[in-house]
């Protein structure tokens, strides 16, 4: 018997949409392309240095979902929806010239999960109905389509609880462990898995504490919320907390630090129509970052924290106008 096809699946790590996209692709590939394929998963993080390590694309098939484009000839599948999907104009041209029929990009989608589901169902006959719950929540969470800031901060649904663990658990390599389960199980079952449940309680406690921290650290001027928590052991926070605390604000700019990067996070208030005036991805691109028109980020080296703080101040000033 021939060896099974080996698939390297790269996805946006510590991101609900990235995990959901990986789960949809995993199930799609095994149902419609190769049932016996063996998968290896690699979580990708935006960083200042090279995005794709040498030798990363070592599968017979190599797929990227919810992450930047690579012009490597070894990449055989790609799905993304970020405005800043292409690192260089040459990458964008490489994509335009692709004739594989396996690479798809549409920045009008609010989530890569929904893009992937629509493409695989219409072009490859994949039945997405068993994944309807996951696709629905992927679009709500990544597209910030909550009815109120309070509902976004409550973290009282299985999907939002799972997102909290995916985005904040202090366990490297957690998401690759759950992608096969995520492709099959309801979200209410997912949060009960030991690998998720052991993190959920402590993270919920930390989430509620972060509300007070952000309230204490925040300055609000000209409709812009600004805070710096780079001195604290916090690599992420619920991005809707600032708008629950200051519902009239238009934008948030924050500074965070982790062992791998100094990060400037930029967001707009989904419940304030005036917050749609500025394209945050285009603003972040001026500093080497990117993202979506309504939410973006810039990643610098860990040692560039002072520069990150200055960039954050510059961006807040531009948004205040």
C-alpha atoms as a PDB file:
ATOM      1  CA  UNK A   1       0.000   0.000   0.000  1.00  0.00           C
ATOM      2  CA  UNK A   2       1.247   3.529  -0.728  1.00  0.00           C
ATOM      3  CA  UNK A   3       2.069   5.773   2.205  1.00  0.00           C
ATOM      4  CA  UNK A   4      -0.803   8.026   3.300  1.00  0.00           C
ATOM      5  CA  UNK A   5      -0.806  11.606   2.052  1.00  0.00           C
ATOM      6  CA  UNK A   6       0.778  13.919   4.621  1.00  0.00           C
ATOM      7  CA  UNK A   7      -0.812  17.353   5.045  1.00  0.00           C
ATOM      8  CA  UNK A   8       0.856  20.266   6.826  1.00  0.00           C
ATOM      9  CA  UNK A   9      -1.918  22.642   7.890  1.00  0.00           C
ATOM     10  CA  UNK A  10      -0.785  26.098   9.046  1.00  0.00           C
ATOM     11  CA  UNK A  11      -3.352  28.315  10.757  1.00  0.00           C
ATOM     12  CA  UNK A  12      -3.550  31.558  12.731  1.00  0.00           C
ATOM     13  CA  UNK A  13      -2.740  30.437  16.270  1.00  0.00           C
ATOM     14  CA  UNK A  14      -4.430  31.698  19.453  1.00  0.00           C
ATOM     15  CA  UNK A  15      -7.401  32.825  17.379  1.00  0.00           C
ATOM     16  CA  UNK A  16     -10.890  31.305  17.342  1.00  0.00           C
ATOM     17  CA  UNK A  17     -11.287  31.976  13.619  1.00  0.00           C
ATOM     18  CA  UNK A  18      -7.911  30.368  12.939  1.00  0.00           C
ATOM     19  CA  UNK A  19      -8.814  27.255  14.918  1.00  0.00           C
ATOM     20  CA  UNK A  20     -12.289  27.044  13.384  1.00  0.00           C
ATOM     21  CA  UNK A  21     -10.866  27.503   9.886  1.00  0.00           C
ATOM     22  CA  UNK A  22      -8.378  24.700  10.509  1.00  0.00           C
ATOM     23  CA  UNK A  23     -11.176  22.418  11.747  1.00  0.00           C
ATOM     24  CA  UNK A  24     -13.334  23.130   8.685  1.00  0.00           C
ATOM     25  CA  UNK A  25     -10.401  22.517   6.320  1.00  0.00           C
ATOM     26  CA  UNK A  26      -9.437  19.311   8.160  1.00  0.00           C
ATOM     27  CA  UNK A  27     -12.929  17.854   7.813  1.00  0.00           C
ATOM     28  CA  UNK A  28     -13.314  19.090   4.235  1.00  0.00           C
ATOM     29  CA  UNK A  29     -10.021  17.549   3.101  1.00  0.00           C
ATOM     30  CA  UNK A  30     -10.722  14.197   4.717  1.00  0.00           C
ATOM     31  CA  UNK A  31     -14.263  14.037   3.335  1.00  0.00           C
ATOM     32  CA  UNK A  32     -13.776  15.427  -0.176  1.00  0.00           C
ATOM     33  CA  UNK A  33     -10.070  15.134  -1.072  1.00  0.00           C
ATOM     34  CA  UNK A  34      -8.330  12.277   0.759  1.00  0.00           C
ATOM     35  CA  UNK A  35      -9.998  10.326   3.591  1.00  0.00           C
ATOM     36  CA  UNK A  36      -6.749   8.718   4.732  1.00  0.00           C
ATOM     37  CA  UNK A  37      -4.666  11.893   4.900  1.00  0.00           C
ATOM     38  CA  UNK A  38      -2.454  12.351   7.946  1.00  0.00           C
ATOM     39  CA  UNK A  39      -2.386  15.899   9.308  1.00  0.00           C
ATOM     40  CA  UNK A  40       0.260  17.867  11.136  1.00  0.00           C
ATOM     41  CA  UNK A  41      -0.820  21.252  12.481  1.00  0.00           C
ATOM     42  CA  UNK A  42       1.282  24.390  12.885  1.00  0.00           C
ATOM     43  CA  UNK A  43      -0.007  27.483  14.657  1.00  0.00           C
ATOM     44  CA  UNK A  44       1.286  30.709  13.122  1.00  0.00           C
ATOM     45  CA  UNK A  45       1.821  34.035  14.906  1.00  0.00           C
ATOM     46  CA  UNK A  46       2.384  37.431  13.319  1.00  0.00           C
ATOM     47  CA  UNK A  47       5.883  38.610  14.115  1.00  0.00           C
ATOM     48  CA  UNK A  48       8.461  41.124  12.987  1.00  0.00           C
ATOM     49  CA  UNK A  49      10.815  38.529  11.552  1.00  0.00           C
ATOM     50  CA  UNK A  50      10.257  35.958   8.792  1.00  0.00           C
ATOM     51  CA  UNK A  51       6.709  34.597   8.908  1.00  0.00           C
ATOM     52  CA  UNK A  52       7.396  31.150   7.443  1.00  0.00           C
ATOM     53  CA  UNK A  53      10.368  29.158   8.722  1.00  0.00           C
ATOM     54  CA  UNK A  54      12.591  27.326   6.268  1.00  0.00           C
ATOM     55  CA  UNK A  55      11.436  23.756   5.833  1.00  0.00           C
ATOM     56  CA  UNK A  56       7.980  24.439   7.254  1.00  0.00           C
ATOM     57  CA  UNK A  57       6.121  23.186   4.188  1.00  0.00           C
ATOM     58  CA  UNK A  58       7.185  19.569   4.462  1.00  0.00           C
ATOM     59  CA  UNK A  59       3.913  17.827   3.591  1.00  0.00           C
ATOM     60  CA  UNK A  60       2.755  16.231   0.382  1.00  0.00           C
ATOM     61  CA  UNK A  61       0.063  18.913   0.635  1.00  0.00           C
ATOM     62  CA  UNK A  62       0.684  22.188   2.477  1.00  0.00           C
ATOM     63  CA  UNK A  63      -2.225  24.416   3.440  1.00  0.00           C
ATOM     64  CA  UNK A  64      -2.484  27.868   5.060  1.00  0.00           C
ATOM     65  CA  UNK A  65      -5.776  29.134   6.514  1.00  0.00           C
ATOM     66  CA  UNK A  66      -6.523  32.516   8.093  1.00  0.00           C
ATOM     67  CA  UNK A  67      -2.915  33.663   7.688  1.00  0.00           C
ATOM     68  CA  UNK A  68      -0.685  35.497   5.269  1.00  0.00           C
ATOM     69  CA  UNK A  69       0.103  34.291   1.777  1.00  0.00           C
ATOM     70  CA  UNK A  70       3.269  32.398   0.924  1.00  0.00           C
ATOM     71  CA  UNK A  71       4.562  32.175  -2.642  1.00  0.00           C
ATOM     72  CA  UNK A  72       6.382  28.926  -1.860  1.00  0.00           C
ATOM     73  CA  UNK A  73       5.729  26.418  -4.651  1.00  0.00           C
ATOM     74  CA  UNK A  74       5.094  23.827  -1.941  1.00  0.00           C
ATOM     75  CA  UNK A  75       1.943  25.584  -0.713  1.00  0.00           C
ATOM     76  CA  UNK A  76      -1.011  23.856  -2.370  1.00  0.00           C
ATOM     77  CA  UNK A  77      -4.023  25.367  -0.514  1.00  0.00           C
ATOM     78  CA  UNK A  78      -4.627  28.873   0.874  1.00  0.00           C
ATOM     79  CA  UNK A  79      -7.657  30.659   2.327  1.00  0.00           C
ATOM     80  CA  UNK A  80      -7.617  34.137   3.872  1.00  0.00           C
ATOM     81  CA  UNK A  81      -9.741  37.250   4.375  1.00  0.00           C
ATOM     82  CA  UNK A  82      -7.342  39.811   5.896  1.00  0.00           C
ATOM     83  CA  UNK A  83      -6.754  43.068   4.048  1.00  0.00           C
ATOM     84  CA  UNK A  84      -3.041  42.664   4.827  1.00  0.00           C
ATOM     85  CA  UNK A  85      -2.792  39.129   3.434  1.00  0.00           C
ATOM     86  CA  UNK A  86       0.212  39.776   1.195  1.00  0.00           C
ATOM     87  CA  UNK A  87       3.621  40.610   2.621  1.00  0.00           C
ATOM     88  CA  UNK A  88       4.857  42.055  -0.686  1.00  0.00           C
ATOM     89  CA  UNK A  89       3.422  43.179  -4.048  1.00  0.00           C
ATOM     90  CA  UNK A  90       5.246  40.169  -5.544  1.00  0.00           C
ATOM     91  CA  UNK A  91       3.205  37.851  -3.309  1.00  0.00           C
ATOM     92  CA  UNK A  92      -0.027  39.502  -4.450  1.00  0.00           C
ATOM     93  CA  UNK A  93       0.990  39.079  -8.084  1.00  0.00           C
ATOM     94  CA  UNK A  94       1.961  35.457  -7.445  1.00  0.00           C
ATOM     95  CA  UNK A  95      -1.537  34.834  -6.101  1.00  0.00           C
ATOM     96  CA  UNK A  96      -3.165  36.539  -9.098  1.00  0.00           C
ATOM     97  CA  UNK A  97      -1.184  34.281 -11.433  1.00  0.00           C
ATOM     98  CA  UNK A  98      -2.111  31.085  -9.577  1.00  0.00           C
ATOM     99  CA  UNK A  99      -4.156  28.625 -11.622  1.00  0.00           C
ATOM    100  CA  UNK A 100      -4.381  25.775  -9.118  1.00  0.00           C
ATOM    101  CA  UNK A 101      -7.976  26.500  -8.165  1.00  0.00           C
ATOM    102  CA  UNK A 102      -6.993  25.835  -4.548  1.00  0.00           C
ATOM    103  CA  UNK A 103      -6.168  29.346  -3.325  1.00  0.00           C
ATOM    104  CA  UNK A 104      -8.898  31.755  -2.260  1.00  0.00           C
ATOM    105  CA  UNK A 105      -8.954  35.314  -0.950  1.00  0.00           C
ATOM    106  CA  UNK A 106     -11.853  37.623  -0.146  1.00  0.00           C
ATOM    107  CA  UNK A 107     -11.375  40.501   2.315  1.00  0.00           C
ATOM    108  CA  UNK A 108     -15.126  41.187   2.310  1.00  0.00           C
ATOM    109  CA  UNK A 109     -15.679  38.137   4.514  1.00  0.00           C
ATOM    110  CA  UNK A 110     -15.829  38.779   8.239  1.00  0.00           C
ATOM    111  CA  UNK A 111     -14.262  35.398   9.016  1.00  0.00           C
ATOM    112  CA  UNK A 112     -12.031  32.932   7.238  1.00  0.00           C
ATOM    113  CA  UNK A 113     -14.243  30.167   8.634  1.00  0.00           C
ATOM    114  CA  UNK A 114     -17.226  31.402   6.606  1.00  0.00           C
ATOM    115  CA  UNK A 115     -15.100  31.978   3.503  1.00  0.00           C
ATOM    116  CA  UNK A 116     -13.719  28.464   3.710  1.00  0.00           C
ATOM    117  CA  UNK A 117     -17.154  26.963   4.286  1.00  0.00           C
ATOM    118  CA  UNK A 118     -18.705  28.799   1.342  1.00  0.00           C
ATOM    119  CA  UNK A 119     -15.871  27.973  -1.061  1.00  0.00           C
ATOM    120  CA  UNK A 120     -15.618  24.301  -0.165  1.00  0.00           C
ATOM    121  CA  UNK A 121     -19.373  23.784  -0.361  1.00  0.00           C
ATOM    122  CA  UNK A 122     -19.896  25.564  -3.688  1.00  0.00           C
ATOM    123  CA  UNK A 123     -16.724  24.475  -5.490  1.00  0.00           C
ATOM    124  CA  UNK A 124     -16.038  21.055  -3.983  1.00  0.00           C
ATOM    125  CA  UNK A 125     -19.441  19.810  -2.833  1.00  0.00           C
ATOM    126  CA  UNK A 126     -18.530  19.740   0.853  1.00  0.00           C
ATOM    127  CA  UNK A 127     -21.499  19.376   3.218  1.00  0.00           C
ATOM    128  CA  UNK A 128     -21.015  22.107   5.835  1.00  0.00           C
ATOM    129  CA  UNK A 129     -24.296  21.508   7.686  1.00  0.00           C
ATOM    130  CA  UNK A 130     -22.669  19.440  10.476  1.00  0.00           C
ATOM    131  CA  UNK A 131     -20.363  22.413  11.110  1.00  0.00           C
ATOM    132  CA  UNK A 132     -23.080  25.084  11.068  1.00  0.00           C
ATOM    133  CA  UNK A 133     -22.633  25.998  14.747  1.00  0.00           C
ATOM    134  CA  UNK A 134     -18.871  26.404  14.405  1.00  0.00           C
ATOM    135  CA  UNK A 135     -19.219  28.457  11.214  1.00  0.00           C
ATOM    136  CA  UNK A 136     -21.882  30.668  12.804  1.00  0.00           C
ATOM    137  CA  UNK A 137     -19.728  31.468  15.830  1.00  0.00           C
ATOM    138  CA  UNK A 138     -16.573  31.897  13.781  1.00  0.00           C
ATOM    139  CA  UNK A 139     -18.332  34.697  11.922  1.00  0.00           C
ATOM    140  CA  UNK A 140     -19.742  36.309  15.082  1.00  0.00           C
ATOM    141  CA  UNK A 141     -16.478  36.207  17.026  1.00  0.00           C
ATOM    142  CA  UNK A 142     -14.084  37.285  14.276  1.00  0.00           C
ATOM    143  CA  UNK A 143     -16.552  39.784  12.831  1.00  0.00           C
ATOM    144  CA  UNK A 144     -17.432  41.290  16.248  1.00  0.00           C
ATOM    145  CA  UNK A 145     -21.117  40.792  15.505  1.00  0.00           C
ATOM    146  CA  UNK A 146     -22.369  40.791  19.086  1.00  0.00           C
ATOM    147  CA  UNK A 147     -25.555  42.724  19.911  1.00  0.00           C
ATOM    148  CA  UNK A 148     -23.946  44.674  22.791  1.00  0.00           C
ATOM    149  CA  UNK A 149     -20.519  45.134  24.407  1.00  0.00           C
ATOM    150  CA  UNK A 150     -21.873  43.448  27.537  1.00  0.00           C
ATOM    151  CA  UNK A 151     -22.782  40.305  25.601  1.00  0.00           C
ATOM    152  CA  UNK A 152     -19.296  40.218  24.086  1.00  0.00           C
ATOM    153  CA  UNK A 153     -17.632  40.542  27.491  1.00  0.00           C
ATOM    154  CA  UNK A 154     -19.916  38.122  29.350  1.00  0.00           C
ATOM    155  CA  UNK A 155     -18.120  34.973  28.050  1.00  0.00           C
ATOM    156  CA  UNK A 156     -21.122  32.892  29.043  1.00  0.00           C
ATOM    157  CA  UNK A 157     -21.569  30.827  25.875  1.00  0.00           C
ATOM    158  CA  UNK A 158     -19.628  27.643  25.008  1.00  0.00           C
ATOM    159  CA  UNK A 159     -18.253  29.361  21.899  1.00  0.00           C
ATOM    160  CA  UNK A 160     -16.973  32.430  23.745  1.00  0.00           C
ATOM    161  CA  UNK A 161     -15.580  30.276  26.545  1.00  0.00           C
ATOM    162  CA  UNK A 162     -13.754  28.127  24.013  1.00  0.00           C
ATOM    163  CA  UNK A 163     -12.468  31.280  22.325  1.00  0.00           C
ATOM    164  CA  UNK A 164     -11.131  32.513  25.663  1.00  0.00           C
ATOM    165  CA  UNK A 165      -9.122  29.313  26.135  1.00  0.00           C
ATOM    166  CA  UNK A 166      -7.900  29.226  22.538  1.00  0.00           C
ATOM    167  CA  UNK A 167      -6.720  32.828  22.707  1.00  0.00           C
ATOM    168  CA  UNK A 168      -5.333  32.976  26.256  1.00  0.00           C
ATOM    169  CA  UNK A 169      -4.420  29.560  27.668  1.00  0.00           C
ATOM    170  CA  UNK A 170      -0.784  29.431  28.875  1.00  0.00           C
ATOM    171  CA  UNK A 171      -0.167  26.171  27.035  1.00  0.00           C
ATOM    172  CA  UNK A 172       1.851  26.086  23.842  1.00  0.00           C
ATOM    173  CA  UNK A 173       0.486  23.797  21.175  1.00  0.00           C
ATOM    174  CA  UNK A 174      -2.996  23.596  22.653  1.00  0.00           C
ATOM    175  CA  UNK A 175      -4.964  24.303  19.471  1.00  0.00           C
ATOM    176  CA  UNK A 176      -3.378  21.524  17.363  1.00  0.00           C
ATOM    177  CA  UNK A 177      -4.569  19.076  20.027  1.00  0.00           C
ATOM    178  CA  UNK A 178      -8.214  20.076  19.597  1.00  0.00           C
ATOM    179  CA  UNK A 179      -8.632  20.639  15.843  1.00  0.00           C
ATOM    180  CA  UNK A 180      -9.849  17.073  15.077  1.00  0.00           C
ATOM    181  CA  UNK A 181     -12.356  17.276  17.957  1.00  0.00           C
ATOM    182  CA  UNK A 182     -13.447  20.745  16.867  1.00  0.00           C
ATOM    183  CA  UNK A 183     -14.266  19.343  13.433  1.00  0.00           C
ATOM    184  CA  UNK A 184     -16.687  16.821  14.950  1.00  0.00           C
ATOM    185  CA  UNK A 185     -17.987  17.861  18.382  1.00  0.00           C
ATOM    186  CA  UNK A 186     -20.606  20.454  19.408  1.00  0.00           C
ATOM    187  CA  UNK A 187     -19.095  23.445  21.184  1.00  0.00           C
ATOM    188  CA  UNK A 188     -20.825  22.525  24.450  1.00  0.00           C
ATOM    189  CA  UNK A 189     -18.842  19.277  24.394  1.00  0.00           C
ATOM    190  CA  UNK A 190     -15.617  21.038  23.458  1.00  0.00           C
ATOM    191  CA  UNK A 191     -15.535  23.148  26.625  1.00  0.00           C
ATOM    192  CA  UNK A 192     -15.869  19.981  28.724  1.00  0.00           C
ATOM    193  CA  UNK A 193     -12.790  18.308  27.241  1.00  0.00           C
ATOM    194  CA  UNK A 194     -10.038  18.100  29.885  1.00  0.00           C
ATOM    195  CA  UNK A 195      -7.577  20.031  27.698  1.00  0.00           C
ATOM    196  CA  UNK A 196     -10.043  22.960  27.659  1.00  0.00           C
ATOM    197  CA  UNK A 197     -11.769  22.591  31.040  1.00  0.00           C
ATOM    198  CA  UNK A 198      -8.532  22.735  33.042  1.00  0.00           C
ATOM    199  CA  UNK A 199      -7.848  26.237  31.716  1.00  0.00           C
ATOM    200  CA  UNK A 200     -11.356  27.679  31.639  1.00  0.00           C
ATOM    201  CA  UNK A 201     -11.883  28.435  35.359  1.00  0.00           C
ATOM    202  CA  UNK A 202      -8.581  30.275  35.887  1.00  0.00           C
ATOM    203  CA  UNK A 203      -8.975  32.166  32.622  1.00  0.00           C
ATOM    204  CA  UNK A 204     -12.502  33.305  33.453  1.00  0.00           C
ATOM    205  CA  UNK A 205     -11.208  34.634  36.786  1.00  0.00           C
ATOM    206  CA  UNK A 206      -8.368  36.414  35.012  1.00  0.00           C
ATOM    207  CA  UNK A 207     -10.785  37.786  32.422  1.00  0.00           C
ATOM    208  CA  UNK A 208     -12.899  39.433  35.123  1.00  0.00           C
ATOM    209  CA  UNK A 209      -9.769  40.819  36.796  1.00  0.00           C
ATOM    210  CA  UNK A 210      -8.637  42.307  33.482  1.00  0.00           C
ATOM    211  CA  UNK A 211     -11.754  44.486  33.400  1.00  0.00           C
ATOM    212  CA  UNK A 212     -10.545  46.302  36.537  1.00  0.00           C
ATOM    213  CA  UNK A 213      -6.969  46.474  35.218  1.00  0.00           C
ATOM    214  CA  UNK A 214      -8.040  48.064  31.946  1.00  0.00           C
ATOM    215  CA  UNK A 215     -10.315  50.504  33.794  1.00  0.00           C
ATOM    216  CA  UNK A 216      -7.389  51.573  36.011  1.00  0.00           C
ATOM    217  CA  UNK A 217      -4.860  51.876  33.168  1.00  0.00           C
ATOM    218  CA  UNK A 218      -7.015  53.630  30.593  1.00  0.00           C
ATOM    219  CA  UNK A 219      -6.871  57.208  29.405  1.00  0.00           C
ATOM    220  CA  UNK A 220      -9.614  58.404  27.053  1.00  0.00           C
ATOM    221  CA  UNK A 221      -9.065  61.441  24.882  1.00  0.00           C
ATOM    222  CA  UNK A 222     -10.591  62.537  21.585  1.00  0.00           C
ATOM    223  CA  UNK A 223     -12.692  59.396  21.382  1.00  0.00           C
ATOM    224  CA  UNK A 224      -9.612  57.141  21.649  1.00  0.00           C
ATOM    225  CA  UNK A 225      -9.025  54.674  24.484  1.00  0.00           C
ATOM    226  CA  UNK A 226      -5.339  54.142  25.251  1.00  0.00           C
ATOM    227  CA  UNK A 227      -3.679  51.828  27.746  1.00  0.00           C
ATOM    228  CA  UNK A 228      -0.312  50.139  28.245  1.00  0.00           C
ATOM    229  CA  UNK A 229      -0.234  46.758  30.016  1.00  0.00           C
ATOM    230  CA  UNK A 230       3.152  45.671  28.681  1.00  0.00           C
ATOM    231  CA  UNK A 231       4.553  45.457  32.214  1.00  0.00           C
ATOM    232  CA  UNK A 232       1.959  42.868  33.240  1.00  0.00           C
ATOM    233  CA  UNK A 233       1.800  39.156  32.520  1.00  0.00           C
ATOM    234  CA  UNK A 234      -1.078  39.615  30.092  1.00  0.00           C
ATOM    235  CA  UNK A 235      -0.613  38.586  26.471  1.00  0.00           C
ATOM    236  CA  UNK A 236      -4.190  39.341  25.474  1.00  0.00           C
ATOM    237  CA  UNK A 237      -7.524  40.654  26.674  1.00  0.00           C
ATOM    238  CA  UNK A 238     -11.133  40.659  25.559  1.00  0.00           C
ATOM    239  CA  UNK A 239     -11.059  43.430  22.966  1.00  0.00           C
ATOM    240  CA  UNK A 240     -14.613  44.510  23.782  1.00  0.00           C
ATOM    241  CA  UNK A 241     -13.925  45.427  27.418  1.00  0.00           C
ATOM    242  CA  UNK A 242     -12.878  49.003  26.514  1.00  0.00           C
ATOM    243  CA  UNK A 243     -16.176  49.648  24.716  1.00  0.00           C
ATOM    244  CA  UNK A 244     -18.195  48.265  27.606  1.00  0.00           C
ATOM    245  CA  UNK A 245     -16.362  50.685  29.901  1.00  0.00           C
ATOM    246  CA  UNK A 246     -16.436  53.641  27.487  1.00  0.00           C
ATOM    247  CA  UNK A 247     -19.304  53.109  25.022  1.00  0.00           C
ATOM    248  CA  UNK A 248     -18.935  56.531  23.380  1.00  0.00           C
ATOM    249  CA  UNK A 249     -15.309  55.939  22.364  1.00  0.00           C
ATOM    250  CA  UNK A 250     -14.467  55.209  18.756  1.00  0.00           C
ATOM    251  CA  UNK A 251     -11.093  53.447  18.929  1.00  0.00           C
ATOM    252  CA  UNK A 252      -8.775  51.529  21.245  1.00  0.00           C
ATOM    253  CA  UNK A 253      -4.978  51.489  21.098  1.00  0.00           C
ATOM    254  CA  UNK A 254      -3.073  49.279  23.513  1.00  0.00           C
ATOM    255  CA  UNK A 255       0.457  47.996  24.135  1.00  0.00           C
ATOM    256  CA  UNK A 256       1.184  44.437  25.237  1.00  0.00           C
ATOM    257  CA  UNK A 257       4.283  42.288  25.550  1.00  0.00           C
ATOM    258  CA  UNK A 258       4.942  38.554  25.335  1.00  0.00           C
ATOM    259  CA  UNK A 259       8.135  36.494  25.128  1.00  0.00           C
ATOM    260  CA  UNK A 260       7.880  36.556  21.324  1.00  0.00           C
ATOM    261  CA  UNK A 261       6.818  40.115  20.526  1.00  0.00           C
ATOM    262  CA  UNK A 262       5.919  43.628  21.547  1.00  0.00           C
ATOM    263  CA  UNK A 263       2.428  44.224  20.206  1.00  0.00           C
ATOM    264  CA  UNK A 264       0.354  47.274  19.394  1.00  0.00           C
ATOM    265  CA  UNK A 265      -3.323  46.369  19.153  1.00  0.00           C
ATOM    266  CA  UNK A 266      -5.729  48.739  17.361  1.00  0.00           C
ATOM    267  CA  UNK A 267      -9.495  48.330  17.350  1.00  0.00           C
ATOM    268  CA  UNK A 268     -12.665  50.192  16.508  1.00  0.00           C
ATOM    269  CA  UNK A 269     -15.930  50.228  18.435  1.00  0.00           C
ATOM    270  CA  UNK A 270     -18.402  47.965  16.575  1.00  0.00           C
ATOM    271  CA  UNK A 271     -21.316  49.794  18.202  1.00  0.00           C
ATOM    272  CA  UNK A 272     -20.208  53.310  17.214  1.00  0.00           C
ATOM    273  CA  UNK A 273     -20.870  54.160  13.534  1.00  0.00           C
ATOM    274  CA  UNK A 274     -18.244  56.928  13.660  1.00  0.00           C
ATOM    275  CA  UNK A 275     -15.570  54.271  14.250  1.00  0.00           C
ATOM    276  CA  UNK A 276     -15.817  53.138  10.629  1.00  0.00           C
ATOM    277  CA  UNK A 277     -14.170  56.310   9.334  1.00  0.00           C
ATOM    278  CA  UNK A 278     -10.566  55.070   9.545  1.00  0.00           C
ATOM    279  CA  UNK A 279      -9.127  51.954   7.913  1.00  0.00           C
ATOM    280  CA  UNK A 280      -7.063  50.476  10.745  1.00  0.00           C
ATOM    281  CA  UNK A 281      -5.358  47.882   8.564  1.00  0.00           C
ATOM    282  CA  UNK A 282      -4.016  50.615   6.291  1.00  0.00           C
ATOM    283  CA  UNK A 283      -2.870  52.570   9.335  1.00  0.00           C
ATOM    284  CA  UNK A 284      -1.079  49.527  10.782  1.00  0.00           C
ATOM    285  CA  UNK A 285       0.557  48.795   7.436  1.00  0.00           C
ATOM    286  CA  UNK A 286       2.413  52.111   7.719  1.00  0.00           C
ATOM    287  CA  UNK A 287       4.283  50.566  10.659  1.00  0.00           C
ATOM    288  CA  UNK A 288       4.758  47.062   9.245  1.00  0.00           C
ATOM    289  CA  UNK A 289       1.540  45.591  10.660  1.00  0.00           C
ATOM    290  CA  UNK A 290      -1.867  44.845   9.218  1.00  0.00           C
ATOM    291  CA  UNK A 291      -5.211  43.171   9.757  1.00  0.00           C
ATOM    292  CA  UNK A 292      -8.758  44.266   8.958  1.00  0.00           C
ATOM    293  CA  UNK A 293     -10.269  47.722   8.403  1.00  0.00           C
ATOM    294  CA  UNK A 294     -11.884  47.582  11.872  1.00  0.00           C
ATOM    295  CA  UNK A 295      -9.171  45.748  13.860  1.00  0.00           C
ATOM    296  CA  UNK A 296      -5.429  45.509  13.287  1.00  0.00           C
ATOM    297  CA  UNK A 297      -2.109  44.971  15.021  1.00  0.00           C
ATOM    298  CA  UNK A 298       1.614  45.603  14.738  1.00  0.00           C
ATOM    299  CA  UNK A 299       4.178  43.100  16.002  1.00  0.00           C
ATOM    300  CA  UNK A 300       7.718  44.168  16.881  1.00  0.00           C
ATOM    301  CA  UNK A 301      10.575  42.227  18.426  1.00  0.00           C
ATOM    302  CA  UNK A 302      10.353  41.766  22.212  1.00  0.00           C
ATOM    303  CA  UNK A 303      13.315  44.102  22.673  1.00  0.00           C
ATOM    304  CA  UNK A 304      11.572  46.894  20.765  1.00  0.00           C
ATOM    305  CA  UNK A 305       9.098  47.675  23.540  1.00  0.00           C
ATOM    306  CA  UNK A 306       9.987  51.371  23.775  1.00  0.00           C
ATOM    307  CA  UNK A 307       9.478  51.753  20.042  1.00  0.00           C
ATOM    308  CA  UNK A 308       6.167  49.915  20.347  1.00  0.00           C
ATOM    309  CA  UNK A 309       5.046  52.393  22.999  1.00  0.00           C
ATOM    310  CA  UNK A 310       5.988  55.316  20.773  1.00  0.00           C
ATOM    311  CA  UNK A 311       4.229  53.814  17.750  1.00  0.00           C
ATOM    312  CA  UNK A 312       1.113  53.277  19.867  1.00  0.00           C
ATOM    313  CA  UNK A 313       1.172  56.917  20.985  1.00  0.00           C
ATOM    314  CA  UNK A 314       1.618  58.059  17.381  1.00  0.00           C
ATOM    315  CA  UNK A 315      -1.338  55.981  16.220  1.00  0.00           C
ATOM    316  CA  UNK A 316      -3.553  57.177  19.061  1.00  0.00           C
ATOM    317  CA  UNK A 317      -2.691  60.757  18.115  1.00  0.00           C
ATOM    318  CA  UNK A 318      -3.603  60.159  14.476  1.00  0.00           C
ATOM    319  CA  UNK A 319      -6.922  58.593  15.435  1.00  0.00           C
ATOM    320  CA  UNK A 320      -7.759  61.470  17.781  1.00  0.00           C
ATOM    321  CA  UNK A 321      -7.158  64.056  15.040  1.00  0.00           C
END
